[in-house]
Amino acid sequence: MAKSEKTSAAVAKIASKAMKDPSSLSAKEIKSLAASALTQVEDKPKKKAVKKKAAKKKAVTKKAAAKKAAKKKAVKKKVAKKKATKKKSK
């Protein structure tokens, strides 16, 4: 919403008509009245849930990568242990 936004004379006339006899408004008049009212309302701030979702997804991805790395490390240790055992037995 800009600070310079003001209700036009036409919309003010429709609003006055609505206050006197609400059933006398046409669908077009109701839409223009609603549109004018909505443009004069303060803008809604963006939801923080989107940021939280992205952070959560990032954390899950990091956890998965950490698990994968740990698994690889364990496999490498096993392989190294087997090789060391084979060398000792020879």
C-alpha atoms as a PDB file:
ATOM      1  CA  MET A   1       0.000   0.000   0.000  1.00  0.00           C
ATOM      2  CA  ALA A   2       1.372   3.378  -0.985  1.00  0.00           C
ATOM      3  CA  LYS A   3       0.866   6.373   1.269  1.00  0.00           C
ATOM      4  CA  SER A   4      -0.644   8.350  -1.597  1.00  0.00           C
ATOM      5  CA  GLU A   5      -3.517   5.928  -2.263  1.00  0.00           C
ATOM      6  CA  LYS A   6      -6.930   7.452  -1.686  1.00  0.00           C
ATOM      7  CA  THR A   7     -10.465   6.387  -2.427  1.00  0.00           C
ATOM      8  CA  SER A   8     -11.728   7.793  -5.722  1.00  0.00           C
ATOM      9  CA  ALA A   9     -14.945   9.779  -5.922  1.00  0.00           C
ATOM     10  CA  ALA A  10     -16.627   6.957  -7.860  1.00  0.00           C
ATOM     11  CA  VAL A  11     -15.780   4.374  -5.209  1.00  0.00           C
ATOM     12  CA  ALA A  12     -16.841   6.738  -2.440  1.00  0.00           C
ATOM     13  CA  LYS A  13     -20.199   7.141  -4.182  1.00  0.00           C
ATOM     14  CA  ILE A  14     -20.623   3.348  -4.380  1.00  0.00           C
ATOM     15  CA  ALA A  15     -19.705   3.008  -0.692  1.00  0.00           C
ATOM     16  CA  SER A  16     -22.270   5.658   0.224  1.00  0.00           C
ATOM     17  CA  LYS A  17     -24.908   3.835  -1.821  1.00  0.00           C
ATOM     18  CA  ALA A  18     -23.975   0.562  -0.075  1.00  0.00           C
ATOM     19  CA  MET A  19     -24.384   2.135   3.354  1.00  0.00           C
ATOM     20  CA  LYS A  20     -27.858   3.399   2.498  1.00  0.00           C
ATOM     21  CA  ASP A  21     -29.176   0.304   0.694  1.00  0.00           C
ATOM     22  CA  PRO A  22     -26.773  -2.646   0.438  1.00  0.00           C
ATOM     23  CA  SER A  23     -29.090  -4.707  -1.761  1.00  0.00           C
ATOM     24  CA  SER A  24     -29.052  -2.019  -4.468  1.00  0.00           C
ATOM     25  CA  LEU A  25     -25.423  -2.703  -5.450  1.00  0.00           C
ATOM     26  CA  SER A  26     -24.602  -4.606  -8.636  1.00  0.00           C
ATOM     27  CA  ALA A  27     -21.924  -7.296  -8.732  1.00  0.00           C
ATOM     28  CA  LYS A  28     -19.588  -4.927 -10.594  1.00  0.00           C
ATOM     29  CA  GLU A  29     -20.025  -2.225  -7.935  1.00  0.00           C
ATOM     30  CA  ILE A  30     -19.355  -4.710  -5.145  1.00  0.00           C
ATOM     31  CA  LYS A  31     -16.157  -5.862  -6.879  1.00  0.00           C
ATOM     32  CA  SER A  32     -14.874  -2.330  -7.396  1.00  0.00           C
ATOM     33  CA  LEU A  33     -15.656  -1.454  -3.779  1.00  0.00           C
ATOM     34  CA  ALA A  34     -13.870  -4.561  -2.528  1.00  0.00           C
ATOM     35  CA  ALA A  35     -10.873  -3.958  -4.805  1.00  0.00           C
ATOM     36  CA  SER A  36     -10.539  -0.406  -3.552  1.00  0.00           C
ATOM     37  CA  ALA A  37     -10.723  -1.525   0.059  1.00  0.00           C
ATOM     38  CA  LEU A  38      -8.102  -4.230  -0.513  1.00  0.00           C
ATOM     39  CA  THR A  39      -5.633  -1.865  -2.153  1.00  0.00           C
ATOM     40  CA  GLN A  40      -5.809   0.403   0.874  1.00  0.00           C
ATOM     41  CA  VAL A  41      -5.025  -2.331   3.384  1.00  0.00           C
ATOM     42  CA  GLU A  42      -1.460  -2.745   4.609  1.00  0.00           C
ATOM     43  CA  ASP A  43       0.456  -5.481   2.799  1.00  0.00           C
ATOM     44  CA  LYS A  44       0.763  -8.793   4.638  1.00  0.00           C
ATOM     45  CA  PRO A  45       4.279  -9.834   5.582  1.00  0.00           C
ATOM     46  CA  LYS A  46       5.524 -13.051   3.999  1.00  0.00           C
ATOM     47  CA  LYS A  47       5.089 -16.176   6.062  1.00  0.00           C
ATOM     48  CA  LYS A  48       8.100 -17.412   7.973  1.00  0.00           C
ATOM     49  CA  ALA A  49       7.024 -21.021   7.463  1.00  0.00           C
ATOM     50  CA  VAL A  50       8.646 -21.020   4.042  1.00  0.00           C
ATOM     51  CA  LYS A  51      12.010 -20.162   5.585  1.00  0.00           C
ATOM     52  CA  LYS A  52      11.531 -22.792   8.268  1.00  0.00           C
ATOM     53  CA  LYS A  53      10.684 -25.411   5.651  1.00  0.00           C
ATOM     54  CA  ALA A  54      13.792 -24.590   3.652  1.00  0.00           C
ATOM     55  CA  ALA A  55      15.957 -24.727   6.777  1.00  0.00           C
ATOM     56  CA  LYS A  56      14.392 -28.029   7.807  1.00  0.00           C
ATOM     57  CA  LYS A  57      14.945 -29.486   4.352  1.00  0.00           C
ATOM     58  CA  LYS A  58      18.556 -28.329   4.448  1.00  0.00           C
ATOM     59  CA  ALA A  59      19.046 -29.947   7.860  1.00  0.00           C
ATOM     60  CA  VAL A  60      17.546 -33.221   6.639  1.00  0.00           C
ATOM     61  CA  THR A  61      19.831 -33.150   3.606  1.00  0.00           C
ATOM     62  CA  LYS A  62      22.860 -32.489   5.823  1.00  0.00           C
ATOM     63  CA  LYS A  63      21.867 -35.373   8.111  1.00  0.00           C
ATOM     64  CA  ALA A  64      21.499 -37.717   5.147  1.00  0.00           C
ATOM     65  CA  ALA A  65      24.899 -36.663   3.808  1.00  0.00           C
ATOM     66  CA  ALA A  66      26.466 -37.176   7.244  1.00  0.00           C
ATOM     67  CA  LYS A  67      24.923 -40.653   7.528  1.00  0.00           C
ATOM     68  CA  LYS A  68      26.177 -41.539   4.069  1.00  0.00           C
ATOM     69  CA  ALA A  69      29.688 -40.330   4.911  1.00  0.00           C
ATOM     70  CA  ALA A  70      29.682 -42.278   8.186  1.00  0.00           C
ATOM     71  CA  LYS A  71      28.572 -45.404   6.370  1.00  0.00           C
ATOM     72  CA  LYS A  72      31.361 -45.021   3.800  1.00  0.00           C
ATOM     73  CA  LYS A  73      33.874 -44.516   6.587  1.00  0.00           C
ATOM     74  CA  ALA A  74      32.694 -47.686   8.346  1.00  0.00           C
ATOM     75  CA  VAL A  75      32.969 -49.687   5.117  1.00  0.00           C
ATOM     76  CA  LYS A  76      36.486 -48.367   4.508  1.00  0.00           C
ATOM     77  CA  LYS A  77      37.476 -49.339   8.061  1.00  0.00           C
ATOM     78  CA  LYS A  78      36.135 -52.869   7.548  1.00  0.00           C
ATOM     79  CA  VAL A  79      37.998 -53.245   4.270  1.00  0.00           C
ATOM     80  CA  ALA A  80      41.218 -51.941   5.845  1.00  0.00           C
ATOM     81  CA  LYS A  81      40.777 -54.305   8.791  1.00  0.00           C
ATOM     82  CA  LYS A  82      40.285 -57.294   6.461  1.00  0.00           C
ATOM     83  CA  LYS A  83      43.388 -56.360   4.471  1.00  0.00           C
ATOM     84  CA  ALA A  84      45.420 -56.042   7.659  1.00  0.00           C
ATOM     85  CA  THR A  85      44.150 -59.425   8.869  1.00  0.00           C
ATOM     86  CA  LYS A  86      45.039 -61.070   5.534  1.00  0.00           C
ATOM     87  CA  LYS A  87      48.566 -59.600   5.620  1.00  0.00           C
ATOM     88  CA  LYS A  88      49.127 -60.918   9.154  1.00  0.00           C
ATOM     89  CA  SER A  89      47.991 -64.425   8.234  1.00  0.00           C
ATOM     90  CA  LYS A  90      50.381 -64.622   5.258  1.00  0.00           C
END
